[in-house]
Every structure is written in C-alpha cells, then in structure tokens.
Protein backbone atom coordinates (compact mmCIF):
# COMPACT_ATOMS: atom_id res chain seq x y z
CA MET A 1 -0.03 -0.06 -0.04
CA ARG A 2 1.27 3.55 -0.73
CA ARG A 3 0.82 6.50 1.77
CA LEU A 4 -1.42 9.25 0.39
CA PHE A 5 0.28 12.30 -0.07
CA GLY A 6 -1.65 14.59 -1.57
CA LEU A 7 -3.76 15.75 -4.57
CA ILE A 8 -2.17 18.15 -5.92
CA LEU A 9 -1.53 16.16 -7.43
CA VAL A 10 -2.82 17.08 -7.96
CA GLY A 11 0.39 15.30 -9.58
CA ALA A 12 -0.05 14.43 -0.26
CA GLY A 13 -3.78 11.85 0.98
CA LEU A 14 -5.43 10.90 -2.23
CA ALA A 15 -3.03 12.25 -5.62
CA GLN A 16 -1.75 9.19 -5.07
CA LEU A 17 -3.84 11.39 -2.68
CA SER A 18 -0.27 13.28 -3.25
CA TRP A 19 -1.70 16.29 -1.54
CA GLY A 20 -1.70 16.73 2.35
CA GLY A 21 -0.68 13.97 4.44
CA PRO A 22 -3.21 11.66 6.00
CA ILE A 23 -6.63 11.65 6.31
CA ALA A 24 -7.91 11.81 9.81
CA GLY A 25 -9.71 8.83 11.15
CA ALA A 26 -13.34 7.92 11.72
CA VAL A 27 -15.33 5.11 13.60
CA PHE A 28 -16.89 2.62 11.53
CA ALA A 29 -19.53 0.04 11.94
CA GLU A 30 -18.62 -3.71 10.50
CA LEU A 31 -19.78 -3.29 6.74
CA SER A 32 -18.82 -4.86 3.55
CA GLY A 33 -15.89 -2.90 2.20
CA ASP A 34 -15.07 -1.17 5.94
CA GLY A 35 -11.36 -2.77 5.85
CA ALA A 36 -10.54 -0.32 2.67
CA ALA A 37 -12.20 2.25 4.25
CA ARG A 38 -10.14 2.31 7.32
CA ILE A 39 -7.10 1.75 5.41
CA LEU A 40 -8.13 4.98 3.34
CA TYR A 41 -9.09 7.06 6.43
CA ASP A 42 -5.67 6.08 7.71
CA GLY A 43 -3.92 7.84 4.70
CA LEU A 44 -3.12 4.59 3.02
CA VAL A 45 -4.06 3.38 -0.63
CA PRO A 46 -6.02 0.33 -0.36
CA ASN A 47 -5.73 -2.58 -2.94
CA ARG A 48 -7.99 -2.85 -5.99
CA GLU A 49 -10.23 -5.46 -4.57
CA GLY A 50 -10.78 -3.70 -1.30
CA LEU A 51 -11.52 -0.41 -3.03
CA GLU A 52 -14.20 -2.05 -5.35
CA ARG A 53 -15.87 -3.45 -2.17
CA LEU A 54 -16.00 -0.34 -0.64
CA ILE A 55 -17.36 1.47 -3.80
CA ALA A 56 -19.98 -1.42 -4.38
CA SER A 57 -20.93 -1.48 -0.62
CA ARG A 58 -21.21 2.47 -0.45
CA LYS A 59 -23.46 2.51 -3.52
CA GLY A 60 -25.85 0.01 -2.17
CA SER A 61 -25.94 2.12 0.88
CA VAL A 62 -26.74 5.23 -0.51
CA GLU A 63 -29.58 3.49 -2.48
CA ARG A 64 -31.14 2.14 0.79
CA ALA A 65 -30.95 5.07 3.06
CA ALA A 66 -29.79 8.80 3.21
CA ARG A 67 -26.86 9.02 5.22
CA PRO A 68 -23.78 11.06 5.04
CA ARG A 69 -21.18 8.56 5.62
CA PRO A 70 -21.70 6.55 2.54
CA HIS A 71 -21.49 9.30 0.58
CA ARG A 72 -18.26 10.68 2.08
CA ASP A 73 -16.83 7.13 1.75
CA LEU A 74 -17.48 7.47 -2.12
CA GLY A 75 -16.14 10.74 -2.48
CA PHE A 76 -12.77 9.67 -0.98
CA ALA A 77 -12.95 6.15 -3.02
CA PHE A 78 -13.84 8.56 -6.34
CA LEU A 79 -10.97 10.83 -5.65
CA LEU A 80 -8.69 8.17 -5.35
CA GLU A 81 -9.87 6.55 -8.84
CA ALA A 82 -9.33 9.82 -10.41
CA GLU A 83 -5.82 9.76 -9.43
CA ARG A 84 -5.37 6.13 -10.87
CA ARG A 85 -6.89 6.83 -14.19
CA PRO A 86 -4.47 7.09 -17.19
CA SER A 87 -7.12 9.40 -19.12
CA GLU A 88 -7.93 12.76 -18.22
CA VAL A 89 -11.39 12.57 -19.50
CA GLU A 90 -11.94 9.59 -16.89
CA ALA A 91 -9.86 11.27 -14.15
CA HIS A 92 -12.23 14.69 -14.50
CA ARG A 93 -15.23 12.14 -14.32
CA TYR A 94 -14.20 10.40 -11.21
CA ALA A 95 -13.18 14.04 -9.75
CA ALA A 96 -16.81 15.40 -10.45
CA ALA A 97 -18.19 12.11 -9.05
CA ALA A 98 -16.31 13.01 -5.71
CA GLU A 99 -17.44 16.48 -5.71
CA ALA A 100 -21.08 15.23 -6.19
CA GLU A 101 -20.84 12.57 -3.37
CA PHE A 102 -18.90 15.25 -0.98
CA LEU A 103 -21.79 17.75 -1.51
CA ALA A 104 -24.42 14.88 -1.13
CA ALA A 105 -22.72 14.00 2.45
CA LEU A 106 -22.86 17.87 3.24
CA ARG A 107 -26.67 18.19 2.25
CA LEU A 108 -27.21 15.50 5.24
CA SER A 109 -24.64 16.88 7.67
CA PRO A 110 -23.79 20.29 6.70
CA ALA A 111 -21.24 20.53 9.21
CA ASP A 112 -18.97 17.68 8.35
CA PRO A 113 -15.38 18.65 8.54
CA ALA A 114 -14.12 15.82 6.53
CA ALA A 115 -16.25 16.41 3.51
CA TRP A 116 -15.43 20.03 3.99
CA ALA A 117 -11.63 19.38 4.09
CA MET A 118 -11.91 17.16 0.72
CA VAL A 119 -14.31 18.61 -1.62
CA PRO A 120 -12.01 21.01 -2.80
CA PHE A 121 -9.76 18.63 -4.05
CA ALA A 122 -12.12 17.41 -6.53
CA ALA A 123 -12.18 20.80 -7.90
CA LEU A 124 -8.31 21.13 -7.84
CA ARG A 125 -8.25 17.58 -9.68
CA ARG A 126 -10.45 18.94 -12.63
CA GLY A 127 -8.32 22.30 -12.56
CA GLU A 128 -11.21 24.43 -11.47
CA ILE A 129 -9.07 26.77 -9.04
CA GLY A 130 -12.16 29.48 -8.52
CA ARG A 131 -14.25 26.46 -7.79
CA ALA A 132 -11.72 24.93 -5.14
CA ALA A 133 -11.40 28.47 -3.51
CA GLU A 134 -15.31 28.96 -3.42
CA LEU A 135 -15.49 25.66 -1.74
CA LEU A 136 -12.74 26.51 0.83
CA ARG A 137 -14.28 29.81 1.73
CA ILE A 138 -17.84 28.22 2.41
CA GLY A 139 -16.06 25.52 4.14
CA LEU A 140 -14.06 27.90 6.20
CA ARG A 141 -17.40 29.56 7.20
CA VAL A 142 -19.19 26.42 8.20
CA VAL A 143 -16.18 24.92 10.19
CA PRO A 144 -13.60 27.38 11.14
CA TYR A 145 -11.56 25.04 13.25
CA ALA A 146 -11.22 21.39 12.31
CA PRO A 147 -7.61 20.71 13.71
CA GLU A 148 -7.81 17.24 12.58
CA TYR A 149 -8.04 18.25 9.03
CA ALA A 150 -5.87 21.17 8.97
CA LEU A 151 -3.17 19.68 7.06
CA ASN A 152 -5.63 18.62 4.33
CA ARG A 153 -7.25 22.49 4.47
CA PHE A 154 -3.84 23.84 4.32
CA ALA A 155 -2.64 21.80 1.19
CA ALA A 156 -5.87 22.64 -0.56
CA VAL A 157 -5.51 26.70 -0.02
CA SER A 158 -1.79 26.41 -0.54
CA ALA A 159 -2.33 25.01 -4.04
CA LEU A 160 -4.48 27.72 -5.04
CA GLY A 161 -1.31 29.93 -5.60
CA ASP A 162 -2.14 33.55 -7.00
CA ALA A 163 -6.09 32.77 -6.50
CA ARG A 164 -5.68 33.27 -2.85
CA ASP A 165 -7.47 36.28 -1.43
CA GLY A 166 -7.06 37.91 1.95
CA VAL A 167 -9.52 35.53 3.57
CA LEU A 168 -7.49 32.55 2.35
CA GLU A 169 -4.15 33.97 2.90
CA ARG A 170 -5.31 34.16 6.45
CA ALA A 171 -6.67 30.59 6.25
CA LEU A 172 -3.36 29.65 5.03
CA VAL A 173 -1.35 30.36 7.87
CA ARG A 174 -4.33 29.62 10.55
CA ALA A 175 -4.41 26.01 8.78
CA LEU A 176 -0.64 25.41 8.87
CA ALA A 177 -0.66 26.59 12.52
CA ASP A 178 -3.35 24.18 13.45
CA ALA A 179 -1.84 21.38 11.46
CA ALA A 180 1.60 21.73 13.40
CA ARG A 181 -0.27 21.77 16.59
CA TYR A 182 -2.28 18.94 16.13
CA ASP A 183 0.61 16.63 14.13
CA LEU A 184 3.90 18.28 14.01
CA GLU A 185 5.59 15.15 12.40
CA SER A 186 3.13 14.78 9.70
CA THR A 187 3.10 18.68 8.85
CA ALA A 188 7.13 18.66 8.66
CA ARG A 189 7.04 15.87 6.20
CA TYR A 190 4.42 17.47 4.11
CA LEU A 191 6.59 20.55 3.73
CA VAL A 192 9.55 18.77 3.12
CA ALA A 193 7.84 16.97 0.35
CA GLN A 194 6.82 20.26 -1.34
CA LYS A 195 8.73 22.49 -3.46
CA ASN A 196 9.64 25.82 -1.43
CA GLY A 197 7.40 24.06 1.06
CA GLU A 198 9.98 25.24 4.14
CA ALA A 199 9.37 28.97 3.12
CA LEU A 200 5.76 28.61 4.35
CA VAL A 201 7.08 28.33 7.81
CA ALA A 202 7.72 32.01 7.73
CA PRO A 203 4.13 33.32 8.18
CA LEU A 204 4.16 31.35 11.67
CA SER A 205 6.47 34.34 13.09
CA GLY A 206 3.25 35.38 15.14
CA ASP A 207 3.99 32.13 17.30
CA PRO A 208 7.92 31.97 17.45
CA ASP A 209 7.81 29.09 19.59
CA LEU A 210 5.57 27.10 17.12
CA ALA A 211 7.73 28.02 14.20
CA TYR A 212 10.80 26.99 15.81
CA GLU A 213 9.40 23.72 16.55
CA LEU A 214 8.24 23.22 13.22
CA ALA A 215 11.34 24.28 11.37
CA ARG A 216 13.51 22.03 14.01
CA THR A 217 11.42 19.08 12.94
CA ILE A 218 11.51 20.00 9.08
CA GLU A 219 15.66 19.78 9.61
CA ARG A 220 15.37 16.50 11.46
CA VAL A 221 13.00 14.84 8.59
CA ARG A 222 15.52 16.37 5.74
CA ASP A 223 18.35 14.62 7.77
CA GLU A 224 16.48 11.41 7.89
CA LEU A 225 15.54 11.45 4.18
CA SER A 226 19.27 12.15 3.12
CA ARG A 227 20.32 9.20 5.26
CA ILE A 228 17.96 7.02 3.81
CA GLU A 229 18.59 8.27 0.17
CA GLU A 230 22.46 7.67 0.84
C-alpha cells in the first residue's frame, strides 16, 4: 500500500492522494468494504479489490438510506480513482463524481469537517481553481476550526497559489498553525515533500515557539531522508 500524500497531485492523501498527508480517522461499523475504508481514512491506498468492495457497498448504502457516511466514503474512493486513471477524461469524470458525493454528504450533514476538507480537491483535480477557492471559503465559514483536518485544508489552500485572496491567505497561516499543533511530524514531512514548502513556515512568526519547533522538525526529517537516500 502507498502512503497518500496529496492531491495536488494533484501530480499528498489521495493524488496518490499526493497532497496533504494522512486523512483523519473515523469510527466505522462493520460493513462490506470497511477494511478498505479504514485503510483509506488512515491515509493509505487500499488495493484494487478492497476499493471495489468499498465502492460497491457504499453505492448500495446510498440507495437504501440517506446517510452522510456512505456518500463521504464514495467521495474519497472516487477521488482516489481519479488519480489512478491514465485518461484525463476519466480522471475528470471521477473527480466530478467525488465532488457530487461530498456535496451529497454535506446536504445531509452540513458541518461534516471531513467532507469540507476534501471536496476542494475534487475541483482542484479538474483544474477548477475558482471553484476550489469558493468551496474552501464556504467550508471555512461553516467549519472554521477542524484541527484533525488542518493539514488537508492547508494543502488545498496552498494549491490555489495566486488565486488566494485575503481571507484565504489568513486561512493558510491558520491551517498551518493548526496542523503543526495537531501533528507536528506529519506537517513537517508534508512541507519537506513540497517544492519550497519550508518557506511557508515564515508566516508563523506570530508564534515563534511553534515556528521554531516546526523548523527543527523539518530539519530532522530532511536529515532522515538524506540518510535513507545515501
């Protein structure tokens, strides 16, 4: 199994995920496909058979009853499928399906932090930067604080580049701080994996202790990776 690193894949979660580090966990009842769901929510890529069971079981669930979890699980699975498809046409189709499932989950559970953290990646995968920014702004209003998903949110906001406005610039700094406080190690590893990612530590100057701890962890991670490469 591969570690999900992020949709910007969108080239660290699903992109591969190739965008933002591990997806936060969730509590599951035992259903067909739950093994793959646990793997996915732990930030890993399930094998093909497990993913197919997950998709089949969740499709059956949404047909039987209106519950947010099956829609959210399908959103994660379709986003992963978008990254696995060699055809951009198919990839865009799965990314659009992922967005539809996340939005269906949000209609049933409007404050679901996982769905709000992940739905912007569906738009990013299709290259719809404006749509991703809109989804991020709405999500920040509905769920302003979700530390367990802060790294995912940071990855999505940082992927907007020059499309960030003042609201999203402030959200970028806040998400980075929340992510570092929640999981310093994963945040450092994500930043090391990104081009010029370490430069993003600078905005944390308002919290020098946190900035120092993050910079020190980044240095340690880089040293570890250098030793592995040797």
